[in-house]
Amino acid sequence: MPRKTLPSPYRSMMTAADDHYHAVRSINTHGEIAHANAVARELLKSGTASTQAEAVRMAADEVSHTQRITRGEMVNRAARKALDKRAREEAASSQDRAAAITYAPPALA
């Protein structure tokens, strides 16, 4: 059974869409550098980043993520599909091994 560490994805869908909207509007209006600078400052102010260098890295990641989403890339979906496929293959392989172990030909007298 998978480990559940996050709440239902439905709780954060609107927040994610709203945040993406504001990121795109800000980048289009003020440019990537100004937006990343403002994001870095917000990350420091909120305590999400503990150093300026960490805030700059995180802000650059936010801009890159916004650009990927805007291009229609869905890396998280692709990753989940790959993991689900691997889990199904491992489960099938495990069942095959279990079936091979439990089968014992009848003993010859």
N, C-alpha and C. Protein backbone atom coordinates (compact mmCIF):
# COMPACT_ATOMS: atom_id res chain seq x y z
N MET A 1 0.85 -1.18 0.00
CA MET A 1 0.00 0.00 0.00
C MET A 1 0.89 1.24 0.00
N PRO A 2 0.56 2.21 -0.84
CA PRO A 2 1.40 3.41 -0.93
C PRO A 2 1.33 4.25 0.34
N ARG A 3 2.41 4.92 0.59
CA ARG A 3 2.50 5.82 1.73
C ARG A 3 1.75 7.10 1.39
N LYS A 4 0.83 7.51 2.25
CA LYS A 4 0.08 8.74 2.01
C LYS A 4 0.61 9.81 2.94
N THR A 5 1.27 10.80 2.35
CA THR A 5 1.83 11.88 3.15
C THR A 5 1.20 13.22 2.84
N LEU A 6 0.43 13.30 1.76
CA LEU A 6 -0.20 14.55 1.37
C LEU A 6 -1.72 14.38 1.42
N PRO A 7 -2.45 15.47 1.64
CA PRO A 7 -3.90 15.35 1.60
C PRO A 7 -4.38 15.11 0.17
N SER A 8 -5.65 14.92 0.01
CA SER A 8 -6.25 14.70 -1.30
C SER A 8 -5.81 15.79 -2.28
N PRO A 9 -5.52 15.41 -3.53
CA PRO A 9 -5.10 16.42 -4.50
C PRO A 9 -6.20 17.44 -4.81
N TYR A 10 -7.43 17.09 -4.55
CA TYR A 10 -8.53 18.00 -4.85
C TYR A 10 -8.51 19.23 -3.94
N ARG A 11 -7.90 19.11 -2.76
CA ARG A 11 -7.82 20.26 -1.84
C ARG A 11 -6.94 21.37 -2.39
N SER A 12 -5.91 21.02 -3.16
CA SER A 12 -4.94 22.02 -3.59
C SER A 12 -5.06 22.42 -5.06
N MET A 13 -5.99 21.84 -5.79
CA MET A 13 -6.09 22.13 -7.22
C MET A 13 -6.37 23.61 -7.50
N MET A 14 -7.30 24.19 -6.79
CA MET A 14 -7.64 25.59 -7.03
C MET A 14 -6.49 26.51 -6.61
N THR A 15 -5.84 26.17 -5.50
CA THR A 15 -4.69 26.96 -5.04
C THR A 15 -3.58 26.92 -6.09
N ALA A 16 -3.31 25.75 -6.62
CA ALA A 16 -2.25 25.61 -7.63
C ALA A 16 -2.60 26.39 -8.89
N ALA A 17 -3.84 26.30 -9.33
CA ALA A 17 -4.26 27.02 -10.53
C ALA A 17 -4.19 28.54 -10.31
N ASP A 18 -4.62 28.99 -9.15
CA ASP A 18 -4.59 30.41 -8.83
C ASP A 18 -3.15 30.92 -8.76
N ASP A 19 -2.27 30.15 -8.12
CA ASP A 19 -0.87 30.56 -8.02
C ASP A 19 -0.22 30.60 -9.39
N HIS A 20 -0.53 29.61 -10.24
CA HIS A 20 0.01 29.57 -11.60
C HIS A 20 -0.46 30.79 -12.39
N TYR A 21 -1.73 31.12 -12.26
CA TYR A 21 -2.28 32.29 -12.94
C TYR A 21 -1.49 33.55 -12.58
N HIS A 22 -1.27 33.75 -11.28
CA HIS A 22 -0.57 34.95 -10.84
C HIS A 22 0.90 34.94 -11.26
N ALA A 23 1.50 33.76 -11.31
CA ALA A 23 2.89 33.67 -11.78
C ALA A 23 2.98 34.08 -13.24
N VAL A 24 2.09 33.56 -14.06
CA VAL A 24 2.11 33.88 -15.49
C VAL A 24 1.86 35.37 -15.70
N ARG A 25 0.88 35.92 -15.01
CA ARG A 25 0.58 37.35 -15.15
C ARG A 25 1.78 38.20 -14.73
N SER A 26 2.42 37.84 -13.61
CA SER A 26 3.56 38.60 -13.12
C SER A 26 4.74 38.53 -14.08
N ILE A 27 5.03 37.33 -14.58
CA ILE A 27 6.14 37.17 -15.53
C ILE A 27 5.86 37.95 -16.80
N ASN A 28 4.64 37.87 -17.30
CA ASN A 28 4.29 38.59 -18.53
C ASN A 28 4.35 40.11 -18.33
N THR A 29 4.00 40.57 -17.14
CA THR A 29 3.96 42.01 -16.87
C THR A 29 5.32 42.57 -16.48
N HIS A 30 6.03 41.86 -15.60
CA HIS A 30 7.25 42.40 -15.00
C HIS A 30 8.54 41.73 -15.46
N GLY A 31 8.43 40.58 -16.10
CA GLY A 31 9.61 39.85 -16.55
C GLY A 31 10.04 38.78 -15.55
N GLU A 32 10.81 37.83 -16.05
CA GLU A 32 11.23 36.68 -15.24
C GLU A 32 12.12 37.09 -14.07
N ILE A 33 13.07 37.99 -14.31
CA ILE A 33 14.02 38.37 -13.26
C ILE A 33 13.29 39.09 -12.12
N ALA A 34 12.45 40.04 -12.46
CA ALA A 34 11.71 40.76 -11.42
C ALA A 34 10.79 39.83 -10.65
N HIS A 35 10.14 38.91 -11.37
CA HIS A 35 9.25 37.96 -10.69
C HIS A 35 10.05 37.05 -9.77
N ALA A 36 11.16 36.51 -10.27
CA ALA A 36 11.98 35.63 -9.44
C ALA A 36 12.51 36.36 -8.21
N ASN A 37 12.89 37.62 -8.37
CA ASN A 37 13.36 38.42 -7.24
C ASN A 37 12.25 38.56 -6.20
N ALA A 38 11.03 38.86 -6.65
CA ALA A 38 9.91 39.02 -5.71
C ALA A 38 9.58 37.70 -5.03
N VAL A 39 9.64 36.60 -5.78
CA VAL A 39 9.37 35.28 -5.19
C VAL A 39 10.43 34.96 -4.15
N ALA A 40 11.70 35.22 -4.46
CA ALA A 40 12.78 34.96 -3.49
C ALA A 40 12.55 35.74 -2.20
N ARG A 41 12.16 36.98 -2.33
CA ARG A 41 11.89 37.80 -1.13
C ARG A 41 10.71 37.23 -0.33
N GLU A 42 9.68 36.77 -1.01
CA GLU A 42 8.53 36.18 -0.32
C GLU A 42 8.92 34.88 0.38
N LEU A 43 9.78 34.09 -0.26
CA LEU A 43 10.23 32.83 0.35
C LEU A 43 11.03 33.10 1.62
N LEU A 44 11.86 34.14 1.59
CA LEU A 44 12.62 34.52 2.80
C LEU A 44 11.69 35.04 3.88
N LYS A 45 10.75 35.90 3.48
CA LYS A 45 9.84 36.51 4.45
C LYS A 45 8.97 35.46 5.13
N SER A 46 8.53 34.46 4.38
CA SER A 46 7.67 33.42 4.95
C SER A 46 8.44 32.37 5.74
N GLY A 47 9.78 32.38 5.60
CA GLY A 47 10.60 31.38 6.30
C GLY A 47 10.73 30.08 5.53
N THR A 48 10.16 30.02 4.33
CA THR A 48 10.28 28.81 3.51
C THR A 48 11.73 28.59 3.11
N ALA A 49 12.44 29.68 2.83
CA ALA A 49 13.88 29.62 2.53
C ALA A 49 14.62 30.21 3.72
N SER A 50 15.71 29.57 4.08
CA SER A 50 16.45 30.05 5.25
C SER A 50 17.65 30.93 4.89
N THR A 51 18.07 30.89 3.63
CA THR A 51 19.19 31.74 3.19
C THR A 51 18.82 32.40 1.86
N GLN A 52 19.55 33.45 1.52
CA GLN A 52 19.30 34.12 0.25
C GLN A 52 19.58 33.19 -0.92
N ALA A 53 20.65 32.43 -0.82
CA ALA A 53 21.01 31.51 -1.91
C ALA A 53 19.90 30.47 -2.11
N GLU A 54 19.36 29.95 -1.02
CA GLU A 54 18.27 28.98 -1.11
C GLU A 54 17.04 29.63 -1.74
N ALA A 55 16.75 30.87 -1.35
CA ALA A 55 15.59 31.58 -1.90
C ALA A 55 15.74 31.81 -3.39
N VAL A 56 16.94 32.15 -3.84
CA VAL A 56 17.18 32.38 -5.26
C VAL A 56 17.00 31.07 -6.05
N ARG A 57 17.54 29.96 -5.53
CA ARG A 57 17.37 28.67 -6.20
C ARG A 57 15.89 28.29 -6.29
N MET A 58 15.18 28.45 -5.18
CA MET A 58 13.76 28.10 -5.15
C MET A 58 12.95 28.99 -6.10
N ALA A 59 13.28 30.27 -6.16
CA ALA A 59 12.57 31.19 -7.05
C ALA A 59 12.82 30.82 -8.51
N ALA A 60 14.04 30.47 -8.83
CA ALA A 60 14.35 30.04 -10.21
C ALA A 60 13.58 28.78 -10.55
N ASP A 61 13.46 27.86 -9.60
CA ASP A 61 12.67 26.64 -9.81
C ASP A 61 11.20 26.98 -10.06
N GLU A 62 10.68 27.96 -9.33
CA GLU A 62 9.29 28.39 -9.52
C GLU A 62 9.07 28.93 -10.92
N VAL A 63 9.99 29.74 -11.41
CA VAL A 63 9.87 30.30 -12.76
C VAL A 63 9.94 29.17 -13.79
N SER A 64 10.88 28.25 -13.62
CA SER A 64 11.00 27.11 -14.55
C SER A 64 9.75 26.25 -14.54
N HIS A 65 9.21 26.01 -13.35
CA HIS A 65 7.99 25.21 -13.23
C HIS A 65 6.83 25.89 -13.94
N THR A 66 6.70 27.19 -13.76
CA THR A 66 5.64 27.95 -14.43
C THR A 66 5.80 27.84 -15.95
N GLN A 67 7.01 27.94 -16.44
CA GLN A 67 7.25 27.83 -17.88
C GLN A 67 6.89 26.45 -18.41
N ARG A 68 7.27 25.39 -17.66
CA ARG A 68 6.93 24.03 -18.09
C ARG A 68 5.43 23.82 -18.15
N ILE A 69 4.72 24.27 -17.13
CA ILE A 69 3.26 24.12 -17.09
C ILE A 69 2.64 24.88 -18.26
N THR A 70 3.12 26.08 -18.52
CA THR A 70 2.59 26.91 -19.61
C THR A 70 2.80 26.23 -20.96
N ARG A 71 3.91 25.49 -21.11
CA ARG A 71 4.16 24.76 -22.36
C ARG A 71 3.34 23.48 -22.44
N GLY A 72 2.66 23.13 -21.37
CA GLY A 72 1.83 21.92 -21.38
C GLY A 72 2.56 20.67 -20.93
N GLU A 73 3.77 20.81 -20.43
CA GLU A 73 4.51 19.64 -19.95
C GLU A 73 3.88 19.14 -18.66
N MET A 74 3.78 17.84 -18.56
CA MET A 74 3.17 17.23 -17.37
C MET A 74 4.12 16.16 -16.82
N VAL A 75 5.25 16.60 -16.27
CA VAL A 75 6.27 15.66 -15.80
C VAL A 75 5.79 14.85 -14.61
N ASN A 76 4.98 15.43 -13.73
CA ASN A 76 4.49 14.67 -12.58
C ASN A 76 3.53 13.57 -13.01
N ARG A 77 2.72 13.85 -14.01
CA ARG A 77 1.81 12.83 -14.52
C ARG A 77 2.60 11.69 -15.16
N ALA A 78 3.60 12.04 -15.96
CA ALA A 78 4.43 11.02 -16.61
C ALA A 78 5.16 10.18 -15.57
N ALA A 79 5.67 10.83 -14.52
CA ALA A 79 6.38 10.09 -13.47
C ALA A 79 5.43 9.13 -12.75
N ARG A 80 4.22 9.60 -12.46
CA ARG A 80 3.24 8.74 -11.78
C ARG A 80 2.88 7.54 -12.65
N LYS A 81 2.68 7.77 -13.95
CA LYS A 81 2.36 6.66 -14.86
C LYS A 81 3.49 5.64 -14.89
N ALA A 82 4.73 6.12 -14.93
CA ALA A 82 5.89 5.21 -14.96
C ALA A 82 5.96 4.39 -13.67
N LEU A 83 5.72 5.04 -12.53
CA LEU A 83 5.76 4.33 -11.25
C LEU A 83 4.62 3.33 -11.14
N ASP A 84 3.42 3.71 -11.60
CA ASP A 84 2.29 2.78 -11.57
C ASP A 84 2.56 1.56 -12.44
N LYS A 85 3.14 1.78 -13.62
CA LYS A 85 3.47 0.67 -14.52
C LYS A 85 4.49 -0.26 -13.87
N ARG A 86 5.52 0.33 -13.26
CA ARG A 86 6.54 -0.49 -12.60
C ARG A 86 5.94 -1.29 -11.45
N ALA A 87 5.04 -0.68 -10.69
CA ALA A 87 4.40 -1.38 -9.57
C ALA A 87 3.55 -2.54 -10.08
N ARG A 88 2.82 -2.32 -11.18
CA ARG A 88 2.01 -3.42 -11.75
C ARG A 88 2.91 -4.56 -12.23
N GLU A 89 4.02 -4.22 -12.88
CA GLU A 89 4.94 -5.24 -13.38
C GLU A 89 5.57 -6.01 -12.22
N GLU A 90 5.93 -5.30 -11.14
CA GLU A 90 6.52 -5.97 -9.98
C GLU A 90 5.49 -6.88 -9.30
N ALA A 91 4.24 -6.44 -9.24
CA ALA A 91 3.19 -7.26 -8.62
C ALA A 91 2.96 -8.52 -9.45
N ALA A 92 2.93 -8.38 -10.78
CA ALA A 92 2.74 -9.54 -11.65
C ALA A 92 3.91 -10.49 -11.53
N SER A 93 5.12 -9.96 -11.48
CA SER A 93 6.32 -10.78 -11.35
C SER A 93 6.31 -11.51 -10.01
N SER A 94 5.89 -10.83 -8.98
CA SER A 94 5.81 -11.43 -7.65
C SER A 94 4.79 -12.56 -7.62
N GLN A 95 3.66 -12.37 -8.29
CA GLN A 95 2.63 -13.41 -8.35
C GLN A 95 3.14 -14.61 -9.12
N ASP A 96 3.90 -14.36 -10.20
CA ASP A 96 4.47 -15.46 -10.99
C ASP A 96 5.44 -16.27 -10.14
N ARG A 97 6.28 -15.58 -9.36
CA ARG A 97 7.25 -16.28 -8.50
C ARG A 97 6.51 -17.08 -7.43
N ALA A 98 5.46 -16.48 -6.84
CA ALA A 98 4.71 -17.18 -5.80
C ALA A 98 4.04 -18.42 -6.38
N ALA A 99 3.52 -18.33 -7.58
CA ALA A 99 2.88 -19.48 -8.21
C ALA A 99 3.91 -20.57 -8.49
N ALA A 100 5.11 -20.20 -8.89
CA ALA A 100 6.16 -21.18 -9.18
C ALA A 100 6.61 -21.87 -7.90
N ILE A 101 6.63 -21.14 -6.80
CA ILE A 101 7.07 -21.71 -5.53
C ILE A 101 6.02 -22.65 -4.96
N THR A 102 4.75 -22.30 -5.09
CA THR A 102 3.69 -23.11 -4.47
C THR A 102 3.41 -24.37 -5.27
N TYR A 103 3.77 -24.40 -6.54
CA TYR A 103 3.55 -25.59 -7.33
C TYR A 103 4.64 -26.60 -7.03
N ALA A 104 4.21 -27.77 -6.64
CA ALA A 104 5.16 -28.86 -6.42
C ALA A 104 4.62 -30.07 -7.16
N PRO A 105 5.41 -30.63 -8.05
CA PRO A 105 4.92 -31.81 -8.78
C PRO A 105 4.71 -32.96 -7.80
N PRO A 106 3.77 -33.83 -8.12
CA PRO A 106 3.51 -34.97 -7.22
C PRO A 106 4.74 -35.86 -7.11
N ALA A 107 4.94 -36.37 -5.92
CA ALA A 107 6.09 -37.23 -5.67
C ALA A 107 5.88 -38.58 -6.34
N LEU A 108 6.95 -39.11 -6.88
CA LEU A 108 6.88 -40.44 -7.50
C LEU A 108 7.14 -41.49 -6.43
N ALA A 109 6.35 -42.52 -6.47
CA ALA A 109 6.49 -43.57 -5.46
C ALA A 109 7.44 -44.64 -5.86
